[in-house]
Amino acid sequence: MPKINHMALDENIGTGYPAPFDVPCLTKRSRDISGAAGLTQFGARTYTLPPGAWSS
């Protein structure tokens, strides 16, 4: 399998959590690597959390 450059993938910023639970997650950044890796049975993502940000 070739190496995946995750920085070239689309980046999602924020969360789908409802207010007020979304506030600490608004700066969360993620990239879905499932499609680039050819995965079909499960998902894989990378997350970048700036200081103070939350993720589940």
N, C-alpha and C. Protein backbone atom coordinates (compact mmCIF):
# COMPACT_ATOMS: atom_id res chain seq x y z
N MET A 1 0.85 -1.17 0.00
CA MET A 1 0.00 0.00 0.00
C MET A 1 0.90 1.23 0.00
N PRO A 2 0.57 2.22 -0.86
CA PRO A 2 1.37 3.44 -0.88
C PRO A 2 1.13 4.28 0.37
N LYS A 3 2.11 5.08 0.68
CA LYS A 3 2.00 6.00 1.81
C LYS A 3 0.94 7.06 1.50
N ILE A 4 0.12 7.39 2.50
CA ILE A 4 -0.93 8.39 2.34
C ILE A 4 -0.45 9.73 2.90
N ASN A 5 -0.54 10.76 2.10
CA ASN A 5 -0.21 12.11 2.55
C ASN A 5 -1.48 12.71 3.13
N HIS A 6 -1.69 12.57 4.42
CA HIS A 6 -2.95 13.03 5.01
C HIS A 6 -3.11 14.55 4.96
N MET A 7 -2.01 15.28 4.80
CA MET A 7 -2.10 16.74 4.70
C MET A 7 -2.74 17.18 3.38
N ALA A 8 -2.76 16.31 2.38
CA ALA A 8 -3.36 16.63 1.09
C ALA A 8 -4.87 16.35 1.08
N LEU A 9 -5.38 15.72 2.12
CA LEU A 9 -6.81 15.40 2.20
C LEU A 9 -7.61 16.59 2.71
N ASP A 10 -8.89 16.61 2.38
CA ASP A 10 -9.77 17.69 2.87
C ASP A 10 -9.80 17.70 4.39
N GLU A 11 -9.79 18.89 4.95
CA GLU A 11 -9.82 19.05 6.40
C GLU A 11 -11.20 19.54 6.84
N ASN A 12 -11.73 18.91 7.87
CA ASN A 12 -13.00 19.34 8.48
C ASN A 12 -12.68 20.06 9.77
N ILE A 13 -13.35 21.18 10.00
CA ILE A 13 -13.14 21.97 11.22
C ILE A 13 -14.45 22.05 11.96
N GLY A 14 -14.40 21.78 13.26
CA GLY A 14 -15.60 21.89 14.09
C GLY A 14 -16.17 20.54 14.47
N THR A 15 -17.46 20.55 14.78
CA THR A 15 -18.12 19.35 15.28
C THR A 15 -19.59 19.37 14.90
N GLY A 16 -20.22 18.25 15.03
CA GLY A 16 -21.66 18.15 14.81
C GLY A 16 -22.43 18.13 16.10
N TYR A 17 -21.74 18.33 17.22
CA TYR A 17 -22.41 18.31 18.52
C TYR A 17 -23.38 19.49 18.64
N PRO A 18 -24.49 19.30 19.32
CA PRO A 18 -25.43 20.40 19.52
C PRO A 18 -24.92 21.36 20.59
N ALA A 19 -25.41 22.60 20.52
CA ALA A 19 -25.07 23.59 21.57
C ALA A 19 -25.70 23.13 22.88
N PRO A 20 -25.10 23.36 23.98
CA PRO A 20 -23.85 24.07 24.24
C PRO A 20 -22.64 23.15 24.25
N PHE A 21 -22.81 21.88 23.88
CA PHE A 21 -21.72 20.91 23.95
C PHE A 21 -20.69 21.08 22.83
N ASP A 22 -21.01 21.88 21.83
CA ASP A 22 -20.11 22.07 20.71
C ASP A 22 -18.98 23.06 20.99
N VAL A 23 -19.15 23.93 21.95
CA VAL A 23 -18.21 25.03 22.19
C VAL A 23 -16.76 24.57 22.35
N PRO A 24 -16.44 23.57 23.22
CA PRO A 24 -15.03 23.19 23.36
C PRO A 24 -14.48 22.41 22.16
N CYS A 25 -15.34 22.07 21.20
CA CYS A 25 -14.91 21.27 20.05
C CYS A 25 -14.87 22.06 18.75
N LEU A 26 -15.17 23.35 18.78
CA LEU A 26 -15.28 24.14 17.55
C LEU A 26 -13.97 24.28 16.79
N THR A 27 -12.83 24.15 17.45
CA THR A 27 -11.54 24.29 16.78
C THR A 27 -10.90 22.95 16.44
N LYS A 28 -11.59 21.86 16.70
CA LYS A 28 -11.09 20.52 16.37
C LYS A 28 -10.97 20.37 14.86
N ARG A 29 -9.87 19.82 14.38
CA ARG A 29 -9.64 19.60 12.95
C ARG A 29 -9.46 18.11 12.70
N SER A 30 -10.10 17.62 11.64
CA SER A 30 -9.98 16.19 11.34
C SER A 30 -9.85 15.97 9.84
N ARG A 31 -9.26 14.84 9.49
CA ARG A 31 -9.11 14.43 8.09
C ARG A 31 -9.50 12.96 8.00
N ASP A 32 -10.39 12.65 7.08
CA ASP A 32 -10.84 11.27 6.87
C ASP A 32 -9.87 10.58 5.93
N ILE A 33 -9.19 9.54 6.41
CA ILE A 33 -8.23 8.82 5.58
C ILE A 33 -8.79 7.49 5.07
N SER A 34 -10.03 7.17 5.41
CA SER A 34 -10.63 5.89 5.01
C SER A 34 -10.63 5.69 3.50
N GLY A 35 -11.16 6.68 2.77
CA GLY A 35 -11.24 6.55 1.32
C GLY A 35 -9.88 6.47 0.66
N ALA A 36 -8.94 7.29 1.11
CA ALA A 36 -7.59 7.29 0.54
C ALA A 36 -6.89 5.96 0.77
N ALA A 37 -7.25 5.28 1.86
CA ALA A 37 -6.64 4.00 2.18
C ALA A 37 -7.40 2.83 1.56
N GLY A 38 -8.56 3.12 0.95
CA GLY A 38 -9.37 2.06 0.34
C GLY A 38 -10.15 1.25 1.36
N LEU A 39 -10.37 1.80 2.56
CA LEU A 39 -11.09 1.07 3.59
C LEU A 39 -12.59 1.07 3.30
N THR A 40 -13.24 -0.07 3.49
CA THR A 40 -14.68 -0.18 3.26
C THR A 40 -15.42 -0.75 4.46
N GLN A 41 -14.72 -1.35 5.40
CA GLN A 41 -15.36 -2.01 6.53
C GLN A 41 -15.35 -1.17 7.81
N PHE A 42 -14.50 -0.13 7.86
CA PHE A 42 -14.45 0.74 9.03
C PHE A 42 -13.82 2.07 8.63
N GLY A 43 -13.91 3.04 9.51
CA GLY A 43 -13.38 4.36 9.21
C GLY A 43 -12.11 4.67 9.97
N ALA A 44 -11.35 5.61 9.44
CA ALA A 44 -10.12 6.05 10.10
C ALA A 44 -9.97 7.55 9.86
N ARG A 45 -9.62 8.28 10.92
CA ARG A 45 -9.45 9.73 10.85
C ARG A 45 -8.21 10.13 11.64
N THR A 46 -7.65 11.25 11.25
CA THR A 46 -6.62 11.89 12.08
C THR A 46 -7.26 13.14 12.67
N TYR A 47 -6.88 13.46 13.90
CA TYR A 47 -7.42 14.63 14.59
C TYR A 47 -6.27 15.52 15.04
N THR A 48 -6.49 16.82 14.94
CA THR A 48 -5.57 17.81 15.48
C THR A 48 -6.36 18.67 16.44
N LEU A 49 -5.90 18.70 17.68
CA LEU A 49 -6.58 19.47 18.72
C LEU A 49 -5.67 20.58 19.22
N PRO A 50 -6.05 21.84 18.97
CA PRO A 50 -5.26 22.92 19.53
C PRO A 50 -5.42 22.97 21.05
N PRO A 51 -4.56 23.67 21.76
CA PRO A 51 -4.68 23.74 23.21
C PRO A 51 -6.09 24.16 23.65
N GLY A 52 -6.65 23.40 24.56
CA GLY A 52 -7.97 23.69 25.10
C GLY A 52 -9.13 23.05 24.36
N ALA A 53 -8.88 22.48 23.17
CA ALA A 53 -9.95 21.86 22.39
C ALA A 53 -10.23 20.45 22.92
N TRP A 54 -11.45 19.99 22.74
CA TRP A 54 -11.87 18.66 23.18
C TRP A 54 -12.23 17.81 21.98
N SER A 55 -12.20 16.50 22.20
CA SER A 55 -12.71 15.52 21.25
C SER A 55 -13.32 14.38 22.07
N SER A 56 -14.16 13.62 21.41
CA SER A 56 -14.83 12.53 22.15
C SER A 56 -13.90 11.36 22.40
